[in-house]
Amino acid sequence: MRCHVKNANAEQAWVIVPHVGCSHQHSKFILSVFADREVSLDGELQPWTKRVITSSWSSLACAPNSIVDANWRNCPQFQLINMGEKATPVRALLSYGERDEMLNKRHLQTFDQQMSSAEERPMLSMYVMKANVPDKRFIATLSPQVDNYVCHSLVTNSWCVQSKWDLEPGNVYAVLAVMAEGTTHEVPLRLTLFTQPDLDTGTVVEQPLTPDSEWHLTALQGFTSGDGSNTLSVVCEAPEGQQVQATLVIETEEAAAFCSISTSVNDQPYKQTPTYAQKQAVLSMPLVGGSTYAMTTRCITQRQEPIKNGPMRLLLYSTAPLKVEPTAGQQLSISIEAGEKMVSEP
């Protein structure tokens, strides 16, 4: 086997990876290099530190419509923290556990069995975001346009995707494992992390979410009013004066809809989305225990015409319980069924 290398990189160096194409197989080899100028072989490189986290997608913890609707928030998430004093690179690979297990047993087979098209699985993608609230599931806006965005897998496929970024100290990174179809059973996944070999033990801490990482959730379902808006009263039931974090999500099935959220306290404007967003709007904000907030959502077309009687869903995530009541005349009500379709505090 031979290869012809035309150009070097900026450091005038190449990395050569001899391999046999099958895990756990071993073979002796001779590497010969012919060049029109003197080159040096620096010997075997030190491997990066590898660690594997296992989890699974389920009928609840998956994204049947990829990231098009709010259900991506249900997908498995993992948190990474750099406990050191300087940034360090991390490469993460997301793959199917069952497929990896099959490939790892390939060397035991007498005859090589190629995967058929019938064994193709749903597309995978991975997103890395800086967590708004440490130790909590990431449920804010998933977009390259927001400050929390770090990176995502640029190539989407049905077997393995990867991302690379610098893990900076002082931040909590949420790694989202998205399987873009629904499932009726557990689907094992593997998140493989590679970090520099010279890092001290404990510098990079990784952990899956726990029940304590989940948010309180109030879900409402219904339709927009005649002017495309809906109004609600939101009471933060935490102790008086306690700070509470909340994220409000509105989504509609209307493809032509653009949505917004605004809030007020004592008839004074409080927080609002800076712009309208297509089909789904997200607003993260702090609340104060014992306070009452007015929340208004609006759905309009690109021509600023109201979306009348359009189906919509509201998700109110918070670190403490909320008392939510639609104002009189709204075609909107609290939905236990809608809440059960989202991962939240047990």
C-alpha atoms as a PDB file:
ATOM      1  CA  MET A   1       0.000   0.000   0.000  1.00  0.00           C
ATOM      2  CA  ARG A   2       1.287   3.466  -0.796  1.00  0.00           C
ATOM      3  CA  CYS A   3       0.149   7.087  -0.672  1.00  0.00           C
ATOM      4  CA  HIS A   4       1.473  10.240  -2.284  1.00  0.00           C
ATOM      5  CA  VAL A   5       1.592  13.331  -0.055  1.00  0.00           C
ATOM      6  CA  LYS A   6       1.751  16.586  -2.011  1.00  0.00           C
ATOM      7  CA  ASN A   7       1.854  19.392   0.565  1.00  0.00           C
ATOM      8  CA  ALA A   8       2.637  19.745   4.239  1.00  0.00           C
ATOM      9  CA  ASN A   9       0.761  21.851   6.760  1.00  0.00           C
ATOM     10  CA  ALA A  10       1.948  25.136   8.238  1.00  0.00           C
ATOM     11  CA  GLU A  11       4.319  23.275  10.610  1.00  0.00           C
ATOM     12  CA  GLN A  12       5.801  21.282   7.716  1.00  0.00           C
ATOM     13  CA  ALA A  13       4.690  18.058   9.381  1.00  0.00           C
ATOM     14  CA  TRP A  14       2.494  15.067   8.630  1.00  0.00           C
ATOM     15  CA  VAL A  15       0.831  12.463  10.837  1.00  0.00           C
ATOM     16  CA  ILE A  16       0.930   8.958   9.368  1.00  0.00           C
ATOM     17  CA  VAL A  17      -1.615   6.429  10.678  1.00  0.00           C
ATOM     18  CA  PRO A  18      -1.001   2.826   9.566  1.00  0.00           C
ATOM     19  CA  HIS A  19      -4.061   0.663  10.241  1.00  0.00           C
ATOM     20  CA  VAL A  20      -5.634  -2.625   9.158  1.00  0.00           C
ATOM     21  CA  GLY A  21      -9.227  -1.398   9.058  1.00  0.00           C
ATOM     22  CA  CYS A  22     -10.480  -3.664  11.829  1.00  0.00           C
ATOM     23  CA  SER A  23     -10.407  -3.082  15.584  1.00  0.00           C
ATOM     24  CA  HIS A  24      -8.335  -5.451  17.755  1.00  0.00           C
ATOM     25  CA  GLN A  25      -6.338  -6.867  14.858  1.00  0.00           C
ATOM     26  CA  HIS A  26      -2.560  -6.682  15.017  1.00  0.00           C
ATOM     27  CA  SER A  27       0.070  -6.892  12.304  1.00  0.00           C
ATOM     28  CA  LYS A  28       3.729  -6.025  11.860  1.00  0.00           C
ATOM     29  CA  PHE A  29       4.520  -3.457   9.185  1.00  0.00           C
ATOM     30  CA  ILE A  30       7.405  -1.610   7.569  1.00  0.00           C
ATOM     31  CA  LEU A  31       7.028   2.109   6.892  1.00  0.00           C
ATOM     32  CA  SER A  32       9.246   3.563   4.150  1.00  0.00           C
ATOM     33  CA  VAL A  33       9.314   7.246   3.246  1.00  0.00           C
ATOM     34  CA  PHE A  34      10.773   8.564  -0.023  1.00  0.00           C
ATOM     35  CA  ALA A  35      11.168  12.330  -0.460  1.00  0.00           C
ATOM     36  CA  ASP A  36      12.998  14.851  -2.603  1.00  0.00           C
ATOM     37  CA  ARG A  37      14.481  16.424   0.515  1.00  0.00           C
ATOM     38  CA  GLU A  38      15.561  15.225   3.924  1.00  0.00           C
ATOM     39  CA  VAL A  39      12.755  14.283   6.300  1.00  0.00           C
ATOM     40  CA  SER A  40      12.741  12.921   9.825  1.00  0.00           C
ATOM     41  CA  LEU A  41      10.516  10.315  11.474  1.00  0.00           C
ATOM     42  CA  ASP A  42       9.905  11.395  15.045  1.00  0.00           C
ATOM     43  CA  GLY A  43       8.572   8.081  16.272  1.00  0.00           C
ATOM     44  CA  GLU A  44       5.203   7.085  17.666  1.00  0.00           C
ATOM     45  CA  LEU A  45       3.057   9.911  18.996  1.00  0.00           C
ATOM     46  CA  GLN A  46       1.684   9.789  22.510  1.00  0.00           C
ATOM     47  CA  PRO A  47      -2.013   8.845  22.404  1.00  0.00           C
ATOM     48  CA  TRP A  48      -4.619  11.196  23.808  1.00  0.00           C
ATOM     49  CA  THR A  49      -6.454  10.238  26.970  1.00  0.00           C
ATOM     50  CA  LYS A  50      -9.681   8.434  26.089  1.00  0.00           C
ATOM     51  CA  ARG A  51     -12.772   8.039  28.206  1.00  0.00           C
ATOM     52  CA  VAL A  52     -16.166   6.632  27.238  1.00  0.00           C
ATOM     53  CA  ILE A  53     -19.560   7.605  28.679  1.00  0.00           C
ATOM     54  CA  THR A  54     -22.470   5.259  27.990  1.00  0.00           C
ATOM     55  CA  SER A  55     -26.150   6.164  28.048  1.00  0.00           C
ATOM     56  CA  SER A  56     -29.180   5.621  25.827  1.00  0.00           C
ATOM     57  CA  TRP A  57     -32.000   7.257  23.946  1.00  0.00           C
ATOM     58  CA  SER A  58     -35.547   6.202  24.826  1.00  0.00           C
ATOM     59  CA  SER A  59     -39.110   6.854  23.714  1.00  0.00           C
ATOM     60  CA  LEU A  60     -39.009  10.058  25.796  1.00  0.00           C
ATOM     61  CA  ALA A  61     -35.327  10.964  25.521  1.00  0.00           C
ATOM     62  CA  CYS A  62     -35.110  11.499  21.768  1.00  0.00           C
ATOM     63  CA  ALA A  63     -35.920  14.115  19.133  1.00  0.00           C
ATOM     64  CA  PRO A  64     -38.397  12.713  16.559  1.00  0.00           C
ATOM     65  CA  ASN A  65     -38.171  15.933  14.525  1.00  0.00           C
ATOM     66  CA  SER A  66     -34.471  16.618  15.116  1.00  0.00           C
ATOM     67  CA  ILE A  67     -34.105  20.210  16.403  1.00  0.00           C
ATOM     68  CA  VAL A  68     -37.146  21.551  14.545  1.00  0.00           C
ATOM     69  CA  ASP A  69     -39.351  21.521  17.655  1.00  0.00           C
ATOM     70  CA  ALA A  70     -38.813  21.705  21.423  1.00  0.00           C
ATOM     71  CA  ASN A  71     -38.327  17.949  21.899  1.00  0.00           C
ATOM     72  CA  TRP A  72     -34.549  18.129  21.378  1.00  0.00           C
ATOM     73  CA  ARG A  73     -34.435  19.243  25.005  1.00  0.00           C
ATOM     74  CA  ASN A  74     -35.343  15.660  25.990  1.00  0.00           C
ATOM     75  CA  CYS A  75     -32.208  14.125  24.450  1.00  0.00           C
ATOM     76  CA  PRO A  76     -29.380  12.835  26.672  1.00  0.00           C
ATOM     77  CA  GLN A  77     -27.014  15.552  27.833  1.00  0.00           C
ATOM     78  CA  PHE A  78     -23.596  15.488  29.477  1.00  0.00           C
ATOM     79  CA  GLN A  79     -21.688  18.212  31.254  1.00  0.00           C
ATOM     80  CA  LEU A  80     -17.971  18.912  30.922  1.00  0.00           C
ATOM     81  CA  ILE A  81     -16.024  21.167  33.272  1.00  0.00           C
ATOM     82  CA  ASN A  82     -12.386  22.261  33.068  1.00  0.00           C
ATOM     83  CA  MET A  83     -11.069  22.393  36.634  1.00  0.00           C
ATOM     84  CA  GLY A  84      -7.652  23.607  35.478  1.00  0.00           C
ATOM     85  CA  GLU A  85      -6.302  27.106  34.989  1.00  0.00           C
ATOM     86  CA  LYS A  86      -6.028  27.237  31.198  1.00  0.00           C
ATOM     87  CA  ALA A  87      -8.037  26.134  28.193  1.00  0.00           C
ATOM     88  CA  THR A  88      -7.543  22.622  26.860  1.00  0.00           C
ATOM     89  CA  PRO A  89      -8.764  21.037  23.611  1.00  0.00           C
ATOM     90  CA  VAL A  90     -11.413  18.318  23.681  1.00  0.00           C
ATOM     91  CA  ARG A  91     -12.657  16.091  20.886  1.00  0.00           C
ATOM     92  CA  ALA A  92     -15.961  14.269  21.372  1.00  0.00           C
ATOM     93  CA  LEU A  93     -17.393  11.440  19.271  1.00  0.00           C
ATOM     94  CA  LEU A  94     -21.040  10.352  19.475  1.00  0.00           C
ATOM     95  CA  SER A  95     -21.915   6.879  18.205  1.00  0.00           C
ATOM     96  CA  TYR A  96     -24.396   4.026  18.541  1.00  0.00           C
ATOM     97  CA  GLY A  97     -23.424   1.604  21.317  1.00  0.00           C
ATOM     98  CA  GLU A  98     -24.747  -1.512  19.562  1.00  0.00           C
ATOM     99  CA  ARG A  99     -22.952  -0.710  16.314  1.00  0.00           C
ATOM    100  CA  ASP A 100     -19.678  -0.071  18.159  1.00  0.00           C
ATOM    101  CA  GLU A 101     -20.043  -3.388  19.980  1.00  0.00           C
ATOM    102  CA  MET A 102     -20.607  -5.202  16.690  1.00  0.00           C
ATOM    103  CA  LEU A 103     -17.553  -3.578  15.093  1.00  0.00           C
ATOM    104  CA  ASN A 104     -15.433  -4.439  18.138  1.00  0.00           C
ATOM    105  CA  LYS A 105     -16.326  -8.124  17.626  1.00  0.00           C
ATOM    106  CA  ARG A 106     -15.615  -8.052  13.919  1.00  0.00           C
ATOM    107  CA  HIS A 107     -12.124  -9.537  14.393  1.00  0.00           C
ATOM    108  CA  LEU A 108     -13.705 -12.687  15.886  1.00  0.00           C
ATOM    109  CA  GLN A 109     -15.726 -13.465  12.739  1.00  0.00           C
ATOM    110  CA  THR A 110     -14.519 -16.034  10.236  1.00  0.00           C
ATOM    111  CA  PHE A 111     -16.309 -14.217   7.417  1.00  0.00           C
ATOM    112  CA  ASP A 112     -16.643 -10.442   7.309  1.00  0.00           C
ATOM    113  CA  GLN A 113     -20.311  -9.425   7.379  1.00  0.00           C
ATOM    114  CA  GLN A 114     -20.924  -6.011   5.886  1.00  0.00           C
ATOM    115  CA  MET A 115     -23.741  -3.885   7.270  1.00  0.00           C
ATOM    116  CA  SER A 116     -26.765  -3.784   4.991  1.00  0.00           C
ATOM    117  CA  SER A 117     -28.871  -0.751   4.230  1.00  0.00           C
ATOM    118  CA  ALA A 118     -31.607  -2.269   6.421  1.00  0.00           C
ATOM    119  CA  GLU A 119     -29.321  -1.738   9.405  1.00  0.00           C
ATOM    120  CA  GLU A 120     -29.016   1.995   8.781  1.00  0.00           C
ATOM    121  CA  ARG A 121     -30.002   3.989  11.834  1.00  0.00           C
ATOM    122  CA  PRO A 122     -31.447   7.467  12.416  1.00  0.00           C
ATOM    123  CA  MET A 123     -29.162  10.423  11.783  1.00  0.00           C
ATOM    124  CA  LEU A 124     -27.033  11.640  14.684  1.00  0.00           C
ATOM    125  CA  SER A 125     -25.924  15.139  15.576  1.00  0.00           C
ATOM    126  CA  MET A 126     -24.106  16.663  18.534  1.00  0.00           C
ATOM    127  CA  TYR A 127     -24.291  20.189  19.919  1.00  0.00           C
ATOM    128  CA  VAL A 128     -22.059  21.836  22.505  1.00  0.00           C
ATOM    129  CA  MET A 129     -23.429  24.832  24.408  1.00  0.00           C
ATOM    130  CA  LYS A 130     -22.307  26.794  27.462  1.00  0.00           C
ATOM    131  CA  ALA A 131     -24.832  26.075  30.194  1.00  0.00           C
ATOM    132  CA  ASN A 132     -26.958  29.030  31.333  1.00  0.00           C
ATOM    133  CA  VAL A 133     -27.557  27.425  34.713  1.00  0.00           C
ATOM    134  CA  PRO A 134     -24.801  25.093  35.992  1.00  0.00           C
ATOM    135  CA  ASP A 135     -25.918  21.588  36.986  1.00  0.00           C
ATOM    136  CA  LYS A 136     -29.178  21.955  35.028  1.00  0.00           C
ATOM    137  CA  ARG A 137     -30.290  20.533  31.679  1.00  0.00           C
ATOM    138  CA  PHE A 138     -29.648  22.954  28.828  1.00  0.00           C
ATOM    139  CA  ILE A 139     -33.058  24.145  27.609  1.00  0.00           C
ATOM    140  CA  ALA A 140     -32.329  27.614  26.179  1.00  0.00           C
ATOM    141  CA  THR A 141     -31.988  28.534  22.506  1.00  0.00           C
ATOM    142  CA  LEU A 142     -30.098  25.979  20.399  1.00  0.00           C
ATOM    143  CA  SER A 143     -28.580  28.110  17.649  1.00  0.00           C
ATOM    144  CA  PRO A 144     -25.178  29.256  16.352  1.00  0.00           C
ATOM    145  CA  GLN A 145     -26.511  32.804  16.669  1.00  0.00           C
ATOM    146  CA  VAL A 146     -26.569  32.895  20.491  1.00  0.00           C
ATOM    147  CA  ASP A 147     -23.710  33.633  22.912  1.00  0.00           C
ATOM    148  CA  ASN A 148     -24.001  30.184  24.526  1.00  0.00           C
ATOM    149  CA  TYR A 149     -23.130  28.403  21.283  1.00  0.00           C
ATOM    150  CA  VAL A 150     -19.778  26.606  21.170  1.00  0.00           C
ATOM    151  CA  CYS A 151     -19.892  24.161  18.249  1.00  0.00           C
ATOM    152  CA  HIS A 152     -21.808  21.288  16.668  1.00  0.00           C
ATOM    153  CA  SER A 153     -21.064  18.284  14.498  1.00  0.00           C
ATOM    154  CA  LEU A 154     -20.651  19.668  10.993  1.00  0.00           C
ATOM    155  CA  VAL A 155     -21.238  16.323   9.289  1.00  0.00           C
ATOM    156  CA  THR A 156     -24.457  14.466  10.153  1.00  0.00           C
ATOM    157  CA  ASN A 157     -24.643  10.731   9.519  1.00  0.00           C
ATOM    158  CA  SER A 158     -26.138   7.533  10.906  1.00  0.00           C
ATOM    159  CA  TRP A 159     -23.118   6.006  12.618  1.00  0.00           C
ATOM    160  CA  CYS A 160     -20.739   8.525  14.257  1.00  0.00           C
ATOM    161  CA  VAL A 161     -20.409  12.318  14.522  1.00  0.00           C
ATOM    162  CA  GLN A 162     -17.766  14.422  16.209  1.00  0.00           C
ATOM    163  CA  SER A 163     -16.957  17.904  17.461  1.00  0.00           C
ATOM    164  CA  LYS A 164     -13.817  19.627  18.686  1.00  0.00           C
ATOM    165  CA  TRP A 165     -13.521  22.730  20.854  1.00  0.00           C
ATOM    166  CA  ASP A 166     -11.421  24.348  23.566  1.00  0.00           C
ATOM    167  CA  LEU A 167     -12.653  23.674  27.072  1.00  0.00           C
ATOM    168  CA  GLU A 168     -12.170  26.934  28.938  1.00  0.00           C
ATOM    169  CA  PRO A 169     -11.944  27.063  32.744  1.00  0.00           C
ATOM    170  CA  GLY A 170     -14.859  28.620  34.585  1.00  0.00           C
ATOM    171  CA  ASN A 171     -17.578  27.401  32.190  1.00  0.00           C
ATOM    172  CA  VAL A 172     -19.924  24.421  32.257  1.00  0.00           C
ATOM    173  CA  TYR A 173     -20.342  22.861  28.814  1.00  0.00           C
ATOM    174  CA  ALA A 174     -23.471  20.942  27.872  1.00  0.00           C
ATOM    175  CA  VAL A 175     -22.970  18.227  25.251  1.00  0.00           C
ATOM    176  CA  LEU A 176     -26.284  17.276  23.604  1.00  0.00           C
ATOM    177  CA  ALA A 177     -26.633  13.875  21.925  1.00  0.00           C
ATOM    178  CA  VAL A 178     -29.442  14.167  19.352  1.00  0.00           C
ATOM    179  CA  MET A 179     -30.984  11.191  17.567  1.00  0.00           C
ATOM    180  CA  ALA A 180     -33.259  12.611  14.889  1.00  0.00           C
ATOM    181  CA  GLU A 181     -36.057  10.022  14.995  1.00  0.00           C
ATOM    182  CA  GLY A 182     -38.354   8.586  17.611  1.00  0.00           C
ATOM    183  CA  THR A 183     -37.900   5.153  19.161  1.00  0.00           C
ATOM    184  CA  THR A 184     -40.018   2.677  21.113  1.00  0.00           C
ATOM    185  CA  HIS A 185     -37.115   1.074  22.965  1.00  0.00           C
ATOM    186  CA  GLU A 186     -33.775   1.861  24.581  1.00  0.00           C
ATOM    187  CA  VAL A 187     -31.049   2.692  22.039  1.00  0.00           C
ATOM    188  CA  PRO A 188     -27.560   2.587  23.634  1.00  0.00           C
ATOM    189  CA  LEU A 189     -25.167   5.429  22.844  1.00  0.00           C
ATOM    190  CA  ARG A 190     -21.480   6.056  23.452  1.00  0.00           C
ATOM    191  CA  LEU A 191     -19.873   9.451  23.987  1.00  0.00           C
ATOM    192  CA  THR A 192     -16.114   9.104  23.577  1.00  0.00           C
ATOM    193  CA  LEU A 193     -13.960  11.979  24.847  1.00  0.00           C
ATOM    194  CA  PHE A 194     -10.324  12.600  23.939  1.00  0.00           C
ATOM    195  CA  THR A 195      -8.210  14.997  25.996  1.00  0.00           C
ATOM    196  CA  GLN A 196      -4.515  15.836  26.007  1.00  0.00           C
ATOM    197  CA  PRO A 197      -2.338  13.105  27.605  1.00  0.00           C
ATOM    198  CA  ASP A 198      -0.376  15.507  29.810  1.00  0.00           C
ATOM    199  CA  LEU A 199      -3.397  16.783  31.751  1.00  0.00           C
ATOM    200  CA  ASP A 200      -3.464  16.091  35.477  1.00  0.00           C
ATOM    201  CA  THR A 201      -6.092  13.621  36.672  1.00  0.00           C
ATOM    202  CA  GLY A 202      -9.312  15.438  37.485  1.00  0.00           C
ATOM    203  CA  THR A 203      -8.613  18.457  35.261  1.00  0.00           C
ATOM    204  CA  VAL A 204     -11.517  17.626  32.939  1.00  0.00           C
ATOM    205  CA  VAL A 205     -14.609  16.452  34.796  1.00  0.00           C
ATOM    206  CA  GLU A 206     -17.447  14.842  32.873  1.00  0.00           C
ATOM    207  CA  GLN A 207     -20.822  13.847  34.234  1.00  0.00           C
ATOM    208  CA  PRO A 208     -24.252  12.832  32.933  1.00  0.00           C
ATOM    209  CA  LEU A 209     -27.349  14.589  34.179  1.00  0.00           C
ATOM    210  CA  THR A 210     -29.103  13.356  37.311  1.00  0.00           C
ATOM    211  CA  PRO A 211     -32.696  13.829  38.534  1.00  0.00           C
ATOM    212  CA  ASP A 212     -31.444  16.908  40.407  1.00  0.00           C
ATOM    213  CA  SER A 213     -30.462  18.416  37.051  1.00  0.00           C
ATOM    214  CA  GLU A 214     -34.062  18.592  35.840  1.00  0.00           C
ATOM    215  CA  TRP A 215     -36.275  21.671  35.851  1.00  0.00           C
ATOM    216  CA  HIS A 216     -39.765  22.235  37.142  1.00  0.00           C
ATOM    217  CA  LEU A 217     -42.031  22.361  34.108  1.00  0.00           C
ATOM    218  CA  THR A 218     -45.450  23.821  33.448  1.00  0.00           C
ATOM    219  CA  ALA A 219     -46.817  22.947  30.002  1.00  0.00           C
ATOM    220  CA  LEU A 220     -49.808  24.595  28.333  1.00  0.00           C
ATOM    221  CA  GLN A 221     -51.461  23.751  25.053  1.00  0.00           C
ATOM    222  CA  GLY A 222     -54.155  25.414  22.964  1.00  0.00           C
ATOM    223  CA  PHE A 223     -54.628  28.019  20.255  1.00  0.00           C
ATOM    224  CA  THR A 224     -53.745  31.642  19.659  1.00  0.00           C
ATOM    225  CA  SER A 225     -56.454  34.238  20.082  1.00  0.00           C
ATOM    226  CA  GLY A 226     -58.024  36.350  17.361  1.00  0.00           C
ATOM    227  CA  ASP A 227     -55.140  38.840  17.403  1.00  0.00           C
ATOM    228  CA  GLY A 228     -52.477  36.115  17.483  1.00  0.00           C
ATOM    229  CA  SER A 229     -51.554  36.672  21.130  1.00  0.00           C
ATOM    230  CA  ASN A 230     -51.985  34.946  24.470  1.00  0.00           C
ATOM    231  CA  THR A 231     -51.585  36.374  27.962  1.00  0.00           C
ATOM    232  CA  LEU A 232     -50.866  34.585  31.228  1.00  0.00           C
ATOM    233  CA  SER A 233     -50.280  35.353  34.875  1.00  0.00           C
ATOM    234  CA  VAL A 234     -47.119  33.752  36.282  1.00  0.00           C
ATOM    235  CA  VAL A 235     -46.516  33.651  40.036  1.00  0.00           C
ATOM    236  CA  CYS A 236     -43.123  32.517  41.313  1.00  0.00           C
ATOM    237  CA  GLU A 237     -43.899  30.287  44.315  1.00  0.00           C
ATOM    238  CA  ALA A 238     -40.355  30.302  45.743  1.00  0.00           C
ATOM    239  CA  PRO A 239     -39.852  31.929  49.164  1.00  0.00           C
ATOM    240  CA  GLU A 240     -40.162  35.706  49.185  1.00  0.00           C
ATOM    241  CA  GLY A 241     -37.159  37.363  47.560  1.00  0.00           C
ATOM    242  CA  GLN A 242     -35.457  34.119  46.423  1.00  0.00           C
ATOM    243  CA  GLN A 243     -33.812  34.257  42.995  1.00  0.00           C
ATOM    244  CA  VAL A 244     -35.213  31.777  40.470  1.00  0.00           C
ATOM    245  CA  GLN A 245     -34.096  31.061  36.917  1.00  0.00           C
ATOM    246  CA  ALA A 246     -36.743  30.479  34.254  1.00  0.00           C
ATOM    247  CA  THR A 247     -36.876  29.788  30.527  1.00  0.00           C
ATOM    248  CA  LEU A 248     -40.109  30.323  28.589  1.00  0.00           C
ATOM    249  CA  VAL A 249     -40.689  28.539  25.277  1.00  0.00           C
ATOM    250  CA  ILE A 250     -43.501  29.063  22.783  1.00  0.00           C
ATOM    251  CA  GLU A 251     -43.817  26.961  19.648  1.00  0.00           C
ATOM    252  CA  THR A 252     -46.430  26.619  16.947  1.00  0.00           C
ATOM    253  CA  GLU A 253     -47.049  24.213  14.101  1.00  0.00           C
ATOM    254  CA  GLU A 254     -47.764  27.062  11.695  1.00  0.00           C
ATOM    255  CA  ALA A 255     -44.843  27.133   9.231  1.00  0.00           C
ATOM    256  CA  ALA A 256     -45.443  30.813   8.407  1.00  0.00           C
ATOM    257  CA  ALA A 257     -45.524  31.936  12.054  1.00  0.00           C
ATOM    258  CA  PHE A 258     -43.018  34.217  13.763  1.00  0.00           C
ATOM    259  CA  CYS A 259     -43.216  34.197  17.559  1.00  0.00           C
ATOM    260  CA  SER A 260     -42.225  36.508  20.408  1.00  0.00           C
ATOM    261  CA  ILE A 261     -42.483  36.626  24.214  1.00  0.00           C
ATOM    262  CA  SER A 262     -42.678  39.679  26.458  1.00  0.00           C
ATOM    263  CA  THR A 263     -43.126  40.010  30.225  1.00  0.00           C
ATOM    264  CA  SER A 264     -43.978  42.757  32.660  1.00  0.00           C
ATOM    265  CA  VAL A 265     -44.095  43.343  36.416  1.00  0.00           C
ATOM    266  CA  ASN A 266     -46.614  45.758  37.946  1.00  0.00           C
ATOM    267  CA  ASP A 267     -47.496  46.970  34.436  1.00  0.00           C
ATOM    268  CA  GLN A 268     -43.841  47.837  33.794  1.00  0.00           C
ATOM    269  CA  PRO A 269     -41.958  46.110  30.942  1.00  0.00           C
ATOM    270  CA  TYR A 270     -39.543  43.474  32.223  1.00  0.00           C
ATOM    271  CA  LYS A 271     -37.903  41.036  29.756  1.00  0.00           C
ATOM    272  CA  GLN A 272     -38.702  40.234  26.138  1.00  0.00           C
ATOM    273  CA  THR A 273     -37.265  38.438  23.136  1.00  0.00           C
ATOM    274  CA  PRO A 274     -35.192  40.886  21.041  1.00  0.00           C
ATOM    275  CA  THR A 275     -36.735  39.735  17.754  1.00  0.00           C
ATOM    276  CA  TYR A 276     -39.422  37.444  16.374  1.00  0.00           C
ATOM    277  CA  ALA A 277     -38.302  33.866  15.698  1.00  0.00           C
ATOM    278  CA  GLN A 278     -39.816  31.448  13.191  1.00  0.00           C
ATOM    279  CA  LYS A 279     -42.150  28.843  14.739  1.00  0.00           C
ATOM    280  CA  GLN A 280     -40.456  28.966  18.172  1.00  0.00           C
ATOM    281  CA  ALA A 281     -39.332  31.689  20.594  1.00  0.00           C
ATOM    282  CA  VAL A 282     -37.295  31.286  23.775  1.00  0.00           C
ATOM    283  CA  LEU A 283     -36.833  33.747  26.640  1.00  0.00           C
ATOM    284  CA  SER A 284     -34.550  33.081  29.625  1.00  0.00           C
ATOM    285  CA  MET A 285     -34.832  35.396  32.607  1.00  0.00           C
ATOM    286  CA  PRO A 286     -34.513  35.626  36.401  1.00  0.00           C
ATOM    287  CA  LEU A 287     -37.608  35.665  38.608  1.00  0.00           C
ATOM    288  CA  VAL A 288     -38.048  36.677  42.241  1.00  0.00           C
ATOM    289  CA  GLY A 289     -39.954  34.523  44.706  1.00  0.00           C
ATOM    290  CA  GLY A 290     -43.374  35.883  45.615  1.00  0.00           C
ATOM    291  CA  SER A 291     -43.594  38.154  42.562  1.00  0.00           C
ATOM    292  CA  THR A 292     -46.291  38.063  39.883  1.00  0.00           C
ATOM    293  CA  TYR A 293     -45.414  38.457  36.208  1.00  0.00           C
ATOM    294  CA  ALA A 294     -47.597  39.065  33.155  1.00  0.00           C
ATOM    295  CA  MET A 295     -46.488  37.052  30.127  1.00  0.00           C
ATOM    296  CA  THR A 296     -47.620  37.799  26.582  1.00  0.00           C
ATOM    297  CA  THR A 297     -46.895  35.676  23.533  1.00  0.00           C
ATOM    298  CA  ARG A 298     -47.601  36.688  19.973  1.00  0.00           C
ATOM    299  CA  CYS A 299     -47.598  34.813  16.658  1.00  0.00           C
ATOM    300  CA  ILE A 300     -47.636  36.760  13.390  1.00  0.00           C
ATOM    301  CA  THR A 301     -46.830  36.228   9.722  1.00  0.00           C
ATOM    302  CA  GLN A 302     -43.938  37.826   7.874  1.00  0.00           C
ATOM    303  CA  ARG A 303     -46.397  40.530   6.814  1.00  0.00           C
ATOM    304  CA  GLN A 304     -47.132  41.148  10.512  1.00  0.00           C
ATOM    305  CA  GLU A 305     -50.610  39.701  10.218  1.00  0.00           C
ATOM    306  CA  PRO A 306     -51.805  37.778  13.315  1.00  0.00           C
ATOM    307  CA  ILE A 307     -51.911  33.977  13.300  1.00  0.00           C
ATOM    308  CA  LYS A 308     -55.522  33.439  14.347  1.00  0.00           C
ATOM    309  CA  ASN A 309     -56.554  30.264  16.186  1.00  0.00           C
ATOM    310  CA  GLY A 310     -53.200  28.666  15.437  1.00  0.00           C
ATOM    311  CA  PRO A 311     -52.213  25.558  17.450  1.00  0.00           C
ATOM    312  CA  MET A 312     -49.447  26.340  19.943  1.00  0.00           C
ATOM    313  CA  ARG A 313     -47.649  24.994  22.984  1.00  0.00           C
ATOM    314  CA  LEU A 314     -46.053  26.798  25.911  1.00  0.00           C
ATOM    315  CA  LEU A 315     -43.303  25.318  28.078  1.00  0.00           C
ATOM    316  CA  LEU A 316     -42.296  27.160  31.247  1.00  0.00           C
ATOM    317  CA  TYR A 317     -39.101  25.785  32.810  1.00  0.00           C
ATOM    318  CA  SER A 318     -38.012  27.047  36.223  1.00  0.00           C
ATOM    319  CA  THR A 319     -35.795  26.176  39.190  1.00  0.00           C
ATOM    320  CA  ALA A 320     -38.808  26.547  41.527  1.00  0.00           C
ATOM    321  CA  PRO A 321     -42.524  25.855  41.013  1.00  0.00           C
ATOM    322  CA  LEU A 322     -44.626  28.407  39.148  1.00  0.00           C
ATOM    323  CA  LYS A 323     -48.330  29.089  39.368  1.00  0.00           C
ATOM    324  CA  VAL A 324     -49.501  29.773  35.816  1.00  0.00           C
ATOM    325  CA  GLU A 325     -52.994  30.933  34.859  1.00  0.00           C
ATOM    326  CA  PRO A 326     -54.129  32.018  31.378  1.00  0.00           C
ATOM    327  CA  THR A 327     -56.241  35.155  31.487  1.00  0.00           C
ATOM    328  CA  ALA A 328     -59.962  34.898  30.839  1.00  0.00           C
ATOM    329  CA  GLY A 329     -61.017  34.151  27.288  1.00  0.00           C
ATOM    330  CA  GLN A 330     -57.785  32.442  26.246  1.00  0.00           C
ATOM    331  CA  GLN A 331     -57.932  29.208  24.226  1.00  0.00           C
ATOM    332  CA  LEU A 332     -55.121  27.878  26.370  1.00  0.00           C
ATOM    333  CA  SER A 333     -54.933  25.573  29.358  1.00  0.00           C
ATOM    334  CA  ILE A 334     -52.409  23.619  31.421  1.00  0.00           C
ATOM    335  CA  SER A 335     -51.827  20.229  29.788  1.00  0.00           C
ATOM    336  CA  ILE A 336     -50.617  17.263  31.810  1.00  0.00           C
ATOM    337  CA  GLU A 337     -50.276  15.287  28.578  1.00  0.00           C
ATOM    338  CA  ALA A 338     -47.983  17.914  27.027  1.00  0.00           C
ATOM    339  CA  GLY A 339     -45.903  17.981  30.210  1.00  0.00           C
ATOM    340  CA  GLU A 340     -45.478  14.206  30.199  1.00  0.00           C
ATOM    341  CA  LYS A 341     -43.885  14.411  26.753  1.00  0.00           C
ATOM    342  CA  MET A 342     -41.012  16.508  28.093  1.00  0.00           C
ATOM    343  CA  VAL A 343     -38.214  15.552  30.473  1.00  0.00           C
ATOM    344  CA  SER A 344     -38.613  17.461  33.738  1.00  0.00           C
ATOM    345  CA  GLU A 345     -38.224  17.100  37.492  1.00  0.00           C
ATOM    346  CA  PRO A 346     -39.886  13.847  38.690  1.00  0.00           C
END
